[in-house]
């Protein structure tokens, strides 16, 4: 099953740790669809951002349990992808205006 590239990449992930990795190792990070594989994610990044991908690392993140008084719920599970770009490639996605 092939997914649309815009359905695979949900949104960029911006944290302090990801920013340090981006500066030191030329990586970008995204929250992606839970159905997507490494190959799908790499092809989606190449298609949407017009860059060359060297490697894709994927992590499944479990949602945290949350309480509202005596009721216990859970935040949804999600998938994180850290995409390493080839040497010389750059994404202007994170630059402010």
PDB file of N, CA and C in Angstrom:
ATOM      1  N   UNK A   1       0.841  -1.175   0.000  1.00  0.00           N
ATOM      2  CA  UNK A   1       0.000   0.000   0.000  1.00  0.00           C
ATOM      3  C   UNK A   1       0.890   1.242   0.000  1.00  0.00           C
ATOM      4  N   UNK A   2       0.719   2.104  -0.972  1.00  0.00           N
ATOM      5  CA  UNK A   2       1.493   3.330  -1.034  1.00  0.00           C
ATOM      6  C   UNK A   2       0.625   4.488  -0.562  1.00  0.00           C
ATOM      7  N   UNK A   3       1.219   5.339   0.224  1.00  0.00           N
ATOM      8  CA  UNK A   3       0.535   6.505   0.747  1.00  0.00           C
ATOM      9  C   UNK A   3       0.985   7.746  -0.008  1.00  0.00           C
ATOM     10  N   UNK A   4       0.144   8.752  -0.001  1.00  0.00           N
ATOM     11  CA  UNK A   4       0.479  10.047  -0.561  1.00  0.00           C
ATOM     12  C   UNK A   4       1.593  10.657   0.299  1.00  0.00           C
ATOM     13  N   UNK A   5       2.633  11.266  -0.290  1.00  0.00           N
ATOM     14  CA  UNK A   5       3.712  11.850   0.522  1.00  0.00           C
ATOM     15  C   UNK A   5       3.217  12.875   1.535  1.00  0.00           C
ATOM     16  N   UNK A   6       2.165  13.593   1.211  1.00  0.00           N
ATOM     17  CA  UNK A   6       1.629  14.596   2.139  1.00  0.00           C
ATOM     18  C   UNK A   6       0.840  13.952   3.273  1.00  0.00           C
ATOM     19  N   UNK A   7       0.434  12.690   3.123  1.00  0.00           N
ATOM     20  CA  UNK A   7      -0.211  11.958   4.210  1.00  0.00           C
ATOM     21  C   UNK A   7       0.815  11.288   5.108  1.00  0.00           C
ATOM     22  N   UNK A   8       2.021  11.070   4.619  1.00  0.00           N
ATOM     23  CA  UNK A   8       3.062  10.424   5.412  1.00  0.00           C
ATOM     24  C   UNK A   8       3.666  11.407   6.408  1.00  0.00           C
ATOM     25  N   UNK A   9       4.084  12.580   5.943  1.00  0.00           N
ATOM     26  CA  UNK A   9       4.679  13.589   6.822  1.00  0.00           C
ATOM     27  C   UNK A   9       3.564  14.412   7.439  1.00  0.00           C
ATOM     28  N   UNK A  10       3.365  14.277   8.731  1.00  0.00           N
ATOM     29  CA  UNK A  10       2.287  15.005   9.400  1.00  0.00           C
ATOM     30  C   UNK A  10       2.728  16.418   9.754  1.00  0.00           C
ATOM     31  N   UNK A  11       3.855  16.531  10.468  1.00  0.00           N
ATOM     32  CA  UNK A  11       4.387  17.859  10.787  1.00  0.00           C
ATOM     33  C   UNK A  11       5.834  17.731  11.226  1.00  0.00           C
ATOM     34  N   UNK A  12       6.611  18.830  11.119  1.00  0.00           N
ATOM     35  CA  UNK A  12       7.982  18.784  11.609  1.00  0.00           C
ATOM     36  C   UNK A  12       7.998  18.752  13.128  1.00  0.00           C
ATOM     37  N   UNK A  13       9.027  18.175  13.673  1.00  0.00           N
ATOM     38  CA  UNK A  13       9.185  18.068  15.116  1.00  0.00           C
ATOM     39  C   UNK A  13      10.268  19.042  15.548  1.00  0.00           C
ATOM     40  N   UNK A  14       9.915  19.988  16.411  1.00  0.00           N
ATOM     41  CA  UNK A  14      10.855  21.017  16.850  1.00  0.00           C
ATOM     42  C   UNK A  14      11.016  20.940  18.359  1.00  0.00           C
ATOM     43  N   UNK A  15      12.134  20.392  18.794  1.00  0.00           N
ATOM     44  CA  UNK A  15      12.491  20.366  20.204  1.00  0.00           C
ATOM     45  C   UNK A  15      13.939  20.831  20.328  1.00  0.00           C
ATOM     46  N   UNK A  16      14.357  21.071  21.541  1.00  0.00           N
ATOM     47  CA  UNK A  16      15.733  21.524  21.753  1.00  0.00           C
ATOM     48  C   UNK A  16      16.734  20.438  21.359  1.00  0.00           C
ATOM     49  N   UNK A  17      16.423  19.197  21.685  1.00  0.00           N
ATOM     50  CA  UNK A  17      17.312  18.086  21.344  1.00  0.00           C
ATOM     51  C   UNK A  17      17.406  17.905  19.826  1.00  0.00           C
ATOM     52  N   UNK A  18      16.288  17.987  19.133  1.00  0.00           N
ATOM     53  CA  UNK A  18      16.272  17.856  17.674  1.00  0.00           C
ATOM     54  C   UNK A  18      17.050  19.007  17.029  1.00  0.00           C
ATOM     55  N   UNK A  19      16.946  20.209  17.592  1.00  0.00           N
ATOM     56  CA  UNK A  19      17.685  21.351  17.052  1.00  0.00           C
ATOM     57  C   UNK A  19      19.193  21.126  17.153  1.00  0.00           C
ATOM     58  N   UNK A  20      19.655  20.558  18.271  1.00  0.00           N
ATOM     59  CA  UNK A  20      21.087  20.260  18.416  1.00  0.00           C
ATOM     60  C   UNK A  20      21.532  19.192  17.427  1.00  0.00           C
ATOM     61  N   UNK A  21      20.712  18.167  17.215  1.00  0.00           N
ATOM     62  CA  UNK A  21      21.032  17.121  16.240  1.00  0.00           C
ATOM     63  C   UNK A  21      21.051  17.694  14.821  1.00  0.00           C
ATOM     64  N   UNK A  22      20.108  18.573  14.534  1.00  0.00           N
ATOM     65  CA  UNK A  22      20.035  19.182  13.202  1.00  0.00           C
ATOM     66  C   UNK A  22      21.297  19.976  12.900  1.00  0.00           C
ATOM     67  N   UNK A  23      21.795  20.717  13.883  1.00  0.00           N
ATOM     68  CA  UNK A  23      22.991  21.525  13.674  1.00  0.00           C
ATOM     69  C   UNK A  23      24.258  20.677  13.559  1.00  0.00           C
ATOM     70  N   UNK A  24      24.354  19.607  14.339  1.00  0.00           N
ATOM     71  CA  UNK A  24      25.599  18.835  14.359  1.00  0.00           C
ATOM     72  C   UNK A  24      25.647  17.733  13.305  1.00  0.00           C
ATOM     73  N   UNK A  25      24.515  17.086  12.999  1.00  0.00           N
ATOM     74  CA  UNK A  25      24.526  15.919  12.111  1.00  0.00           C
ATOM     75  C   UNK A  25      23.739  16.081  10.819  1.00  0.00           C
ATOM     76  N   UNK A  26      23.235  17.291  10.529  1.00  0.00           N
ATOM     77  CA  UNK A  26      22.477  17.564   9.303  1.00  0.00           C
ATOM     78  C   UNK A  26      21.251  16.651   9.199  1.00  0.00           C
ATOM     79  N   UNK A  27      20.433  16.649  10.253  1.00  0.00           N
ATOM     80  CA  UNK A  27      19.221  15.828  10.302  1.00  0.00           C
ATOM     81  C   UNK A  27      17.995  16.721  10.446  1.00  0.00           C
ATOM     82  N   UNK A  28      16.865  16.229   9.984  1.00  0.00           N
ATOM     83  CA  UNK A  28      15.575  16.850  10.226  1.00  0.00           C
ATOM     84  C   UNK A  28      14.665  15.796  10.829  1.00  0.00           C
ATOM     85  N   UNK A  29      13.641  16.244  11.560  1.00  0.00           N
ATOM     86  CA  UNK A  29      12.786  15.300  12.256  1.00  0.00           C
ATOM     87  C   UNK A  29      11.327  15.625  11.981  1.00  0.00           C
ATOM     88  N   UNK A  30      10.509  14.571  11.883  1.00  0.00           N
ATOM     89  CA  UNK A  30       9.094  14.722  11.572  1.00  0.00           C
ATOM     90  C   UNK A  30       8.258  13.780  12.418  1.00  0.00           C
ATOM     91  N   UNK A  31       7.019  14.175  12.669  1.00  0.00           N
ATOM     92  CA  UNK A  31       6.009  13.246  13.146  1.00  0.00           C
ATOM     93  C   UNK A  31       5.375  12.683  11.887  1.00  0.00           C
ATOM     94  N   UNK A  32       5.342  11.360  11.778  1.00  0.00           N
ATOM     95  CA  UNK A  32       4.899  10.715  10.551  1.00  0.00           C
ATOM     96  C   UNK A  32       3.726   9.779  10.832  1.00  0.00           C
ATOM     97  N   UNK A  33       3.105   9.320   9.770  1.00  0.00           N
ATOM     98  CA  UNK A  33       2.006   8.367   9.877  1.00  0.00           C
ATOM     99  C   UNK A  33       2.503   7.059  10.473  1.00  0.00           C
ATOM    100  N   UNK A  34       1.677   6.439  11.302  1.00  0.00           N
ATOM    101  CA  UNK A  34       2.077   5.183  11.939  1.00  0.00           C
ATOM    102  C   UNK A  34       2.115   4.029  10.946  1.00  0.00           C
ATOM    103  N   UNK A  35       1.514   4.197   9.774  1.00  0.00           N
ATOM    104  CA  UNK A  35       1.496   3.153   8.753  1.00  0.00           C
ATOM    105  C   UNK A  35       2.717   3.204   7.842  1.00  0.00           C
ATOM    106  N   UNK A  36       3.474   4.297   7.896  1.00  0.00           N
ATOM    107  CA  UNK A  36       4.575   4.511   6.950  1.00  0.00           C
ATOM    108  C   UNK A  36       5.825   3.727   7.357  1.00  0.00           C
ATOM    109  N   UNK A  37       6.556   3.237   6.348  1.00  0.00           N
ATOM    110  CA  UNK A  37       7.826   2.548   6.574  1.00  0.00           C
ATOM    111  C   UNK A  37       8.976   3.528   6.343  1.00  0.00           C
ATOM    112  N   UNK A  38      10.196   3.059   6.620  1.00  0.00           N
ATOM    113  CA  UNK A  38      11.373   3.894   6.394  1.00  0.00           C
ATOM    114  C   UNK A  38      11.486   4.336   4.939  1.00  0.00           C
ATOM    115  N   UNK A  39      11.246   3.418   4.036  1.00  0.00           N
ATOM    116  CA  UNK A  39      11.356   3.718   2.606  1.00  0.00           C
ATOM    117  C   UNK A  39      10.322   4.759   2.202  1.00  0.00           C
ATOM    118  N   UNK A  40       9.076   4.595   2.693  1.00  0.00           N
ATOM    119  CA  UNK A  40       8.026   5.568   2.388  1.00  0.00           C
ATOM    120  C   UNK A  40       8.389   6.953   2.900  1.00  0.00           C
ATOM    121  N   UNK A  41       8.940   7.016   4.112  1.00  0.00           N
ATOM    122  CA  UNK A  41       9.299   8.303   4.713  1.00  0.00           C
ATOM    123  C   UNK A  41      10.424   8.965   3.921  1.00  0.00           C
ATOM    124  N   UNK A  42      11.449   8.203   3.545  1.00  0.00           N
ATOM    125  CA  UNK A  42      12.548   8.759   2.763  1.00  0.00           C
ATOM    126  C   UNK A  42      12.086   9.292   1.413  1.00  0.00           C
ATOM    127  N   UNK A  43      11.236   8.548   0.728  1.00  0.00           N
ATOM    128  CA  UNK A  43      10.716   9.004  -0.566  1.00  0.00           C
ATOM    129  C   UNK A  43       9.829  10.233  -0.415  1.00  0.00           C
ATOM    130  N   UNK A  44       9.056  10.309   0.670  1.00  0.00           N
ATOM    131  CA  UNK A  44       8.194  11.470   0.899  1.00  0.00           C
ATOM    132  C   UNK A  44       9.017  12.727   1.158  1.00  0.00           C
ATOM    133  N   UNK A  45      10.091  12.599   1.936  1.00  0.00           N
ATOM    134  CA  UNK A  45      10.951  13.761   2.214  1.00  0.00           C
ATOM    135  C   UNK A  45      11.629  14.229   0.928  1.00  0.00           C
ATOM    136  N   UNK A  46      12.113  13.287   0.126  1.00  0.00           N
ATOM    137  CA  UNK A  46      12.739  13.670  -1.143  1.00  0.00           C
ATOM    138  C   UNK A  46      11.747  14.337  -2.081  1.00  0.00           C
ATOM    139  N   UNK A  47      10.503  13.853  -2.117  1.00  0.00           N
ATOM    140  CA  UNK A  47       9.500  14.417  -3.021  1.00  0.00           C
ATOM    141  C   UNK A  47       9.034  15.798  -2.570  1.00  0.00           C
ATOM    142  N   UNK A  48       8.807  15.975  -1.288  1.00  0.00           N
ATOM    143  CA  UNK A  48       8.234  17.229  -0.801  1.00  0.00           C
ATOM    144  C   UNK A  48       9.299  18.318  -0.645  1.00  0.00           C
ATOM    145  N   UNK A  49      10.441  17.982  -0.047  1.00  0.00           N
ATOM    146  CA  UNK A  49      11.451  18.994   0.266  1.00  0.00           C
ATOM    147  C   UNK A  49      12.541  19.134  -0.785  1.00  0.00           C
ATOM    148  N   UNK A  50      12.556  18.248  -1.780  1.00  0.00           N
ATOM    149  CA  UNK A  50      13.525  18.307  -2.885  1.00  0.00           C
ATOM    150  C   UNK A  50      14.960  18.234  -2.381  1.00  0.00           C
ATOM    151  N   UNK A  51      15.236  17.281  -1.490  1.00  0.00           N
ATOM    152  CA  UNK A  51      16.582  17.038  -0.967  1.00  0.00           C
ATOM    153  C   UNK A  51      16.887  15.553  -1.110  1.00  0.00           C
ATOM    154  N   UNK A  52      18.157  15.190  -0.972  1.00  0.00           N
ATOM    155  CA  UNK A  52      18.578  13.789  -1.020  1.00  0.00           C
ATOM    156  C   UNK A  52      18.711  13.257   0.403  1.00  0.00           C
ATOM    157  N   UNK A  53      18.150  12.077   0.636  1.00  0.00           N
ATOM    158  CA  UNK A  53      18.141  11.462   1.963  1.00  0.00           C
ATOM    159  C   UNK A  53      19.230  10.405   2.034  1.00  0.00           C
ATOM    160  N   UNK A  54      19.996  10.420   3.127  1.00  0.00           N
ATOM    161  CA  UNK A  54      21.025   9.408   3.342  1.00  0.00           C
ATOM    162  C   UNK A  54      20.509   8.260   4.203  1.00  0.00           C
ATOM    163  N   UNK A  55      19.792   8.574   5.297  1.00  0.00           N
ATOM    164  CA  UNK A  55      19.308   7.533   6.204  1.00  0.00           C
ATOM    165  C   UNK A  55      18.024   8.005   6.882  1.00  0.00           C
ATOM    166  N   UNK A  56      17.213   7.034   7.309  1.00  0.00           N
ATOM    167  CA  UNK A  56      15.976   7.321   8.035  1.00  0.00           C
ATOM    168  C   UNK A  56      15.948   6.432   9.278  1.00  0.00           C
ATOM    169  N   UNK A  57      15.812   7.045  10.442  1.00  0.00           N
ATOM    170  CA  UNK A  57      15.649   6.323  11.699  1.00  0.00           C
ATOM    171  C   UNK A  57      14.238   6.590  12.207  1.00  0.00           C
ATOM    172  N   UNK A  58      13.564   5.531  12.658  1.00  0.00           N
ATOM    173  CA  UNK A  58      12.158   5.621  13.036  1.00  0.00           C
ATOM    174  C   UNK A  58      11.981   5.112  14.465  1.00  0.00           C
ATOM    175  N   UNK A  59      11.124   5.802  15.226  1.00  0.00           N
ATOM    176  CA  UNK A  59      10.805   5.394  16.589  1.00  0.00           C
ATOM    177  C   UNK A  59       9.299   5.443  16.802  1.00  0.00           C
ATOM    178  N   UNK A  60       8.754   4.432  17.453  1.00  0.00           N
ATOM    179  CA  UNK A  60       7.362   4.457  17.879  1.00  0.00           C
ATOM    180  C   UNK A  60       7.327   4.991  19.305  1.00  0.00           C
ATOM    181  N   UNK A  61       6.550   6.052  19.518  1.00  0.00           N
ATOM    182  CA  UNK A  61       6.472   6.695  20.819  1.00  0.00           C
ATOM    183  C   UNK A  61       5.114   6.372  21.431  1.00  0.00           C
ATOM    184  N   UNK A  62       5.123   5.837  22.636  1.00  0.00           N
ATOM    185  CA  UNK A  62       3.872   5.527  23.309  1.00  0.00           C
ATOM    186  C   UNK A  62       3.294   6.786  23.936  1.00  0.00           C
ATOM    187  N   UNK A  63       1.967   6.919  23.868  1.00  0.00           N
ATOM    188  CA  UNK A  63       1.294   8.061  24.463  1.00  0.00           C
ATOM    189  C   UNK A  63       1.309   7.991  25.980  1.00  0.00           C
ATOM    190  N   UNK A  64       1.393   9.137  26.604  1.00  0.00           N
ATOM    191  CA  UNK A  64       1.452   9.194  28.061  1.00  0.00           C
ATOM    192  C   UNK A  64       0.058   9.017  28.659  1.00  0.00           C
ATOM    193  N   UNK A  65      -0.025   8.331  29.791  1.00  0.00           N
ATOM    194  CA  UNK A  65      -1.319   8.282  30.482  1.00  0.00           C
ATOM    195  C   UNK A  65      -1.601   9.626  31.149  1.00  0.00           C
ATOM    196  N   UNK A  66      -2.838  10.090  31.040  1.00  0.00           N
ATOM    197  CA  UNK A  66      -3.246  11.373  31.620  1.00  0.00           C
ATOM    198  C   UNK A  66      -4.512  11.171  32.433  1.00  0.00           C
ATOM    199  N   UNK A  67      -4.672  11.992  33.470  1.00  0.00           N
ATOM    200  CA  UNK A  67      -5.844  11.890  34.332  1.00  0.00           C
ATOM    201  C   UNK A  67      -6.635  13.176  34.283  1.00  0.00           C
ATOM    202  N   UNK A  68      -7.940  13.033  34.383  1.00  0.00           N
ATOM    203  CA  UNK A  68      -8.853  14.158  34.548  1.00  0.00           C
ATOM    204  C   UNK A  68      -9.697  13.799  35.759  1.00  0.00           C
ATOM    205  N   UNK A  69      -9.240  14.190  36.927  1.00  0.00           N
ATOM    206  CA  UNK A  69      -9.909  13.779  38.149  1.00  0.00           C
ATOM    207  C   UNK A  69      -9.709  12.293  38.381  1.00  0.00           C
ATOM    208  N   UNK A  70     -10.792  11.560  38.478  1.00  0.00           N
ATOM    209  CA  UNK A  70     -10.673  10.116  38.699  1.00  0.00           C
ATOM    210  C   UNK A  70     -10.666   9.317  37.408  1.00  0.00           C
ATOM    211  N   UNK A  71     -10.796   9.978  36.280  1.00  0.00           N
ATOM    212  CA  UNK A  71     -10.828   9.296  34.982  1.00  0.00           C
ATOM    213  C   UNK A  71      -9.427   9.257  34.381  1.00  0.00           C
ATOM    214  N   UNK A  72      -9.028   8.087  33.949  1.00  0.00           N
ATOM    215  CA  UNK A  72      -7.701   7.911  33.364  1.00  0.00           C
ATOM    216  C   UNK A  72      -7.849   7.715  31.857  1.00  0.00           C
ATOM    217  N   UNK A  73      -7.098   8.496  31.113  1.00  0.00           N
ATOM    218  CA  UNK A  73      -7.081   8.367  29.666  1.00  0.00           C
ATOM    219  C   UNK A  73      -5.647   8.244  29.193  1.00  0.00           C
ATOM    220  N   UNK A  74      -5.466   8.308  27.905  1.00  0.00           N
ATOM    221  CA  UNK A  74      -4.133   8.168  27.336  1.00  0.00           C
ATOM    222  C   UNK A  74      -4.050   9.054  26.103  1.00  0.00           C
ATOM    223  N   UNK A  75      -2.902   9.723  25.961  1.00  0.00           N
ATOM    224  CA  UNK A  75      -2.634  10.458  24.731  1.00  0.00           C
ATOM    225  C   UNK A  75      -2.334   9.444  23.635  1.00  0.00           C
ATOM    226  N   UNK A  76      -2.552   9.827  22.382  1.00  0.00           N
ATOM    227  CA  UNK A  76      -2.351   8.849  21.307  1.00  0.00           C
ATOM    228  C   UNK A  76      -0.885   8.475  21.103  1.00  0.00           C
ATOM    229  N   UNK A  77      -0.651   7.243  20.632  1.00  0.00           N
ATOM    230  CA  UNK A  77       0.678   6.805  20.231  1.00  0.00           C
ATOM    231  C   UNK A  77       1.020   7.500  18.917  1.00  0.00           C
ATOM    232  N   UNK A  78       2.322   7.728  18.657  1.00  0.00           N
ATOM    233  CA  UNK A  78       2.734   8.380  17.422  1.00  0.00           C
ATOM    234  C   UNK A  78       4.101   7.875  17.003  1.00  0.00           C
ATOM    235  N   UNK A  79       4.478   8.205  15.781  1.00  0.00           N
ATOM    236  CA  UNK A  79       5.734   7.728  15.205  1.00  0.00           C
ATOM    237  C   UNK A  79       6.606   8.930  14.863  1.00  0.00           C
ATOM    238  N   UNK A  80       7.889   8.827  15.246  1.00  0.00           N
ATOM    239  CA  UNK A  80       8.865   9.885  15.013  1.00  0.00           C
ATOM    240  C   UNK A  80       9.895   9.390  14.018  1.00  0.00           C
ATOM    241  N   UNK A  81      10.278  10.245  13.069  1.00  0.00           N
ATOM    242  CA  UNK A  81      11.304   9.893  12.090  1.00  0.00           C
ATOM    243  C   UNK A  81      12.393  10.959  12.110  1.00  0.00           C
ATOM    244  N   UNK A  82      13.650  10.506  12.224  1.00  0.00           N
ATOM    245  CA  UNK A  82      14.802  11.398  12.113  1.00  0.00           C
ATOM    246  C   UNK A  82      15.484  11.065  10.792  1.00  0.00           C
ATOM    247  N   UNK A  83      15.503  12.042   9.899  1.00  0.00           N
ATOM    248  CA  UNK A  83      15.993  11.851   8.535  1.00  0.00           C
ATOM    249  C   UNK A  83      17.338  12.544   8.402  1.00  0.00           C
ATOM    250  N   UNK A  84      18.375  11.779   8.058  1.00  0.00           N
ATOM    251  CA  UNK A  84      19.706  12.328   7.826  1.00  0.00           C
ATOM    252  C   UNK A  84      19.830  12.689   6.355  1.00  0.00           C
ATOM    253  N   UNK A  85      20.217  13.934   6.095  1.00  0.00           N
ATOM    254  CA  UNK A  85      20.365  14.414   4.722  1.00  0.00           C
ATOM    255  C   UNK A  85      21.793  14.190   4.248  1.00  0.00           C
ATOM    256  N   UNK A  86      21.955  14.073   2.936  1.00  0.00           N
ATOM    257  CA  UNK A  86      23.294  13.901   2.368  1.00  0.00           C
ATOM    258  C   UNK A  86      24.111  15.169   2.540  1.00  0.00           C
ATOM    259  N   UNK A  87      25.414  15.020   2.433  1.00  0.00           N
ATOM    260  CA  UNK A  87      26.347  16.139   2.606  1.00  0.00           C
ATOM    261  C   UNK A  87      26.025  17.243   1.609  1.00  0.00           C
ATOM    262  N   UNK A  88      25.930  18.481   2.094  1.00  0.00           N
ATOM    263  CA  UNK A  88      25.663  19.624   1.236  1.00  0.00           C
ATOM    264  C   UNK A  88      24.186  19.959   1.093  1.00  0.00           C
ATOM    265  N   UNK A  89      23.295  19.089   1.529  1.00  0.00           N
ATOM    266  CA  UNK A  89      21.854  19.353   1.450  1.00  0.00           C
ATOM    267  C   UNK A  89      21.424  20.167   2.661  1.00  0.00           C
ATOM    268  N   UNK A  90      20.436  21.047   2.459  1.00  0.00           N
ATOM    269  CA  UNK A  90      19.951  21.888   3.545  1.00  0.00           C
ATOM    270  C   UNK A  90      18.455  22.111   3.347  1.00  0.00           C
ATOM    271  N   UNK A  91      17.725  22.186   4.457  1.00  0.00           N
ATOM    272  CA  UNK A  91      16.289  22.445   4.427  1.00  0.00           C
ATOM    273  C   UNK A  91      16.036  23.771   5.086  1.00  0.00           C
ATOM    274  N   UNK A  92      15.322  24.670   4.392  1.00  0.00           N
ATOM    275  CA  UNK A  92      14.994  25.982   4.949  1.00  0.00           C
ATOM    276  C   UNK A  92      13.649  25.953   5.671  1.00  0.00           C
ATOM    277  N   UNK A  93      13.208  24.779   6.052  1.00  0.00           N
ATOM    278  CA  UNK A  93      11.915  24.610   6.705  1.00  0.00           C
ATOM    279  C   UNK A  93      11.891  25.254   8.079  1.00  0.00           C
ATOM    280  N   UNK A  94      13.008  25.277   8.779  1.00  0.00           N
ATOM    281  CA  UNK A  94      13.058  25.728  10.147  1.00  0.00           C
ATOM    282  C   UNK A  94      13.488  27.185  10.292  1.00  0.00           C
ATOM    283  N   UNK A  95      13.863  27.821   9.214  1.00  0.00           N
ATOM    284  CA  UNK A  95      14.355  29.200   9.294  1.00  0.00           C
ATOM    285  C   UNK A  95      13.185  30.148   9.468  1.00  0.00           C
ATOM    286  N   UNK A  96      13.344  31.143  10.353  1.00  0.00           N
ATOM    287  CA  UNK A  96      12.286  32.112  10.563  1.00  0.00           C
ATOM    288  C   UNK A  96      12.443  33.272   9.585  1.00  0.00           C
ATOM    289  N   UNK A  97      11.353  33.999   9.371  1.00  0.00           N
ATOM    290  CA  UNK A  97      11.351  35.084   8.385  1.00  0.00           C
ATOM    291  C   UNK A  97      11.916  36.355   8.925  1.00  0.00           C
TER     292      UNK A  97
END
